[in-house]
Amino acid sequence: MTSALVSVLLLAGAGSASTPTVTRAQYDRVKRDTPYEKVVEIFGRQGVQETVAFYAWPDANVRAGFRKDGSMNGYQTLAVMKPEHQARYEAFKAAFKARLDEGKPFTYDHAVTALGGPGKKLELVEYVWRNKGGGKIAIEFEKGKSRAKGVIGRLK
């Protein structure tokens, strides 16, 4: 169950020495619609909720996730880019890059300004399982069941 979406993720620090290892074999056991409780059983521990809110701007072909502190931790396109979405998407990317270049966080309010209006709040949560070696597994859940997953970094 890999996502066909183009993603940009801003990564927090690597796992600590006390973080248990997560493996590719565990990752492969998580299928679409796997309940959160089963995922916890597979990994042997609770996930950490890093992304607390997701919003979509369909007219700009953008979906973004935000942390508890309000900063954006990643964005992705919703589908293949259509010409009518390109200008708003490029404006969003430029605003995001400018904030990063200044060393400042990009927040939901910045996204609203860059995209010309509020996003639609999505009913998603994302949990992360960090690997002792620095990689991590991120899984999105909708109504308590896995929807999408991804590996960031290396797993054994």
Protein backbone atom coordinates (compact mmCIF):
# COMPACT_ATOMS: atom_id res chain seq x y z
CA MET A 1 0.00 0.00 0.00
CA THR A 2 2.26 2.76 -1.17
CA SER A 3 1.00 6.21 -1.89
CA ALA A 4 1.01 7.37 -5.50
CA LEU A 5 1.12 10.94 -4.23
CA VAL A 6 4.09 13.21 -4.71
CA SER A 7 5.25 14.08 -1.19
CA VAL A 8 7.51 16.58 0.47
CA LEU A 9 8.21 15.82 4.11
CA LEU A 10 10.07 17.91 6.61
CA LEU A 11 11.73 15.53 8.95
CA ALA A 12 12.32 15.87 12.66
CA GLY A 13 15.46 14.40 14.21
CA ALA A 14 16.44 10.76 14.01
CA GLY A 15 15.47 8.17 16.60
CA SER A 16 17.37 7.96 19.86
CA ALA A 17 19.45 5.05 21.07
CA SER A 18 16.54 3.95 23.30
CA THR A 19 14.11 3.77 20.35
CA PRO A 20 13.29 0.15 19.41
CA THR A 21 13.93 -0.95 15.84
CA VAL A 22 11.11 -1.10 13.31
CA THR A 23 11.61 -3.33 10.30
CA ARG A 24 10.56 -3.65 6.68
CA ALA A 25 8.90 -6.97 7.57
CA GLN A 26 6.69 -5.19 10.12
CA TYR A 27 5.92 -2.45 7.60
CA ASP A 28 4.91 -5.04 5.01
CA ARG A 29 2.43 -6.63 7.46
CA VAL A 30 0.42 -3.39 7.65
CA LYS A 31 -2.19 -3.45 4.89
CA ARG A 32 -4.89 -0.95 3.97
CA ASP A 33 -7.71 -0.93 6.55
CA THR A 34 -5.55 -2.48 9.30
CA PRO A 35 -6.99 -1.23 12.63
CA TYR A 36 -4.69 0.98 14.72
CA GLU A 37 -4.73 -1.59 17.55
CA LYS A 38 -3.41 -4.28 15.16
CA VAL A 39 -0.66 -1.91 13.94
CA VAL A 40 0.37 -1.32 17.57
CA GLU A 41 0.51 -5.09 18.02
CA ILE A 42 2.68 -5.46 14.90
CA PHE A 43 5.19 -2.80 16.03
CA GLY A 44 4.98 -3.68 19.72
CA ARG A 45 4.34 -0.09 20.82
CA GLN A 46 2.10 2.92 20.34
CA GLY A 47 2.84 5.32 17.50
CA VAL A 48 3.66 8.98 18.10
CA GLN A 49 1.20 11.45 16.62
CA GLU A 50 3.37 14.05 14.86
CA THR A 51 0.77 15.36 12.43
CA VAL A 52 -2.37 16.51 14.22
CA ALA A 53 -4.32 18.15 11.39
CA PHE A 54 -4.58 17.65 7.64
CA TYR A 55 -6.14 20.12 5.22
CA ALA A 56 -6.78 19.92 1.47
CA TRP A 57 -7.07 22.64 -1.14
CA PRO A 58 -8.50 20.75 -4.15
CA ASP A 59 -8.47 23.87 -6.35
CA ALA A 60 -4.71 24.06 -5.90
CA ASN A 61 -4.11 20.30 -5.81
CA VAL A 62 -2.50 20.52 -2.35
CA ARG A 63 -2.84 18.58 0.89
CA ALA A 64 -0.80 19.60 3.94
CA GLY A 65 -0.24 18.27 7.44
CA PHE A 66 0.43 20.37 10.53
CA ARG A 67 2.10 19.63 13.87
CA LYS A 68 0.84 20.47 17.37
CA ASP A 69 2.89 23.68 17.32
CA GLY A 70 1.05 24.79 14.17
CA SER A 71 3.98 24.35 11.78
CA MET A 72 3.56 22.40 8.58
CA ASN A 73 5.44 19.13 8.48
CA GLY A 74 4.73 18.18 4.90
CA TYR A 75 2.61 18.62 1.82
CA GLN A 76 1.72 16.62 -1.24
CA THR A 77 -0.18 16.94 -4.44
CA LEU A 78 -3.61 15.33 -4.43
CA ALA A 79 -3.45 14.03 -8.00
CA VAL A 80 -1.70 14.57 -11.28
CA MET A 81 -1.12 18.31 -11.66
CA LYS A 82 -3.59 19.97 -14.00
CA PRO A 83 -2.64 23.23 -15.75
CA GLU A 84 -5.36 25.16 -13.90
CA HIS A 85 -3.80 24.19 -10.54
CA GLN A 86 -0.20 24.95 -11.44
CA ALA A 87 -0.11 28.69 -10.61
CA ARG A 88 -1.62 28.32 -7.13
CA TYR A 89 0.56 25.31 -6.40
CA GLU A 90 3.71 27.20 -7.47
CA ALA A 91 2.70 30.21 -5.33
CA PHE A 92 2.25 27.88 -2.36
CA LYS A 93 5.66 26.24 -2.90
CA ALA A 94 7.35 29.65 -3.25
CA ALA A 95 5.77 30.95 -0.03
CA PHE A 96 6.78 27.78 1.77
CA LYS A 97 10.37 27.97 0.51
CA ALA A 98 10.64 31.65 1.46
CA ARG A 99 9.66 30.87 5.08
CA LEU A 100 12.13 27.99 5.20
CA ASP A 101 14.90 30.17 3.79
CA GLU A 102 14.18 32.67 6.59
CA GLY A 103 14.38 29.85 9.15
CA LYS A 104 10.75 30.41 10.12
CA PRO A 105 7.89 27.90 10.34
CA PHE A 106 5.19 27.73 7.69
CA THR A 107 1.78 27.56 9.37
CA TYR A 108 -1.81 26.95 8.34
CA ASP A 109 -2.33 30.74 8.18
CA HIS A 110 0.57 31.00 5.71
CA ALA A 111 -0.99 28.21 3.63
CA VAL A 112 -4.36 30.00 3.63
CA THR A 113 -2.72 33.20 2.43
CA ALA A 114 -0.62 31.46 -0.23
CA LEU A 115 -3.55 29.36 -1.50
CA GLY A 116 -6.18 32.09 -1.42
CA GLY A 117 -8.52 30.65 1.19
CA PRO A 118 -9.09 28.07 3.91
CA GLY A 119 -8.49 24.40 3.34
CA LYS A 120 -10.96 21.59 3.93
CA LYS A 121 -10.12 19.78 7.18
CA LEU A 122 -9.61 16.08 6.56
CA GLU A 123 -10.56 13.35 9.03
CA LEU A 124 -7.08 11.84 9.17
CA VAL A 125 -4.48 11.24 11.85
CA GLU A 126 -0.90 10.16 11.32
CA TYR A 127 1.22 8.10 13.67
CA VAL A 128 4.96 7.53 13.38
CA TRP A 129 7.13 4.66 14.58
CA ARG A 130 10.78 5.74 14.72
CA ASN A 131 13.63 3.36 14.07
CA LYS A 132 16.67 3.17 16.32
CA GLY A 133 18.79 3.64 13.19
CA GLY A 134 17.10 6.91 12.20
CA GLY A 135 14.41 5.80 9.78
CA LYS A 136 10.71 5.88 10.53
CA ILE A 137 7.39 4.51 9.40
CA ALA A 138 4.49 6.93 9.04
CA ILE A 139 0.94 5.62 8.75
CA GLU A 140 -2.21 7.64 8.16
CA PHE A 141 -5.44 6.47 9.72
CA GLU A 142 -9.00 7.34 8.83
CA LYS A 143 -11.70 6.24 11.27
CA GLY A 144 -9.18 4.08 13.11
CA LYS A 145 -7.99 2.12 10.06
CA SER A 146 -4.81 2.51 8.02
CA ARG A 147 -5.22 4.46 4.82
CA ALA A 148 -1.68 5.16 3.57
CA LYS A 149 1.82 4.44 4.76
CA GLY A 150 5.38 5.36 3.98
CA VAL A 151 8.97 4.72 4.99
CA ILE A 152 11.24 7.67 5.61
CA GLY A 153 14.91 6.74 5.83
CA ARG A 154 16.21 3.18 6.06
CA LEU A 155 14.74 0.12 7.72
CA LYS A 156 16.27 -3.29 8.33
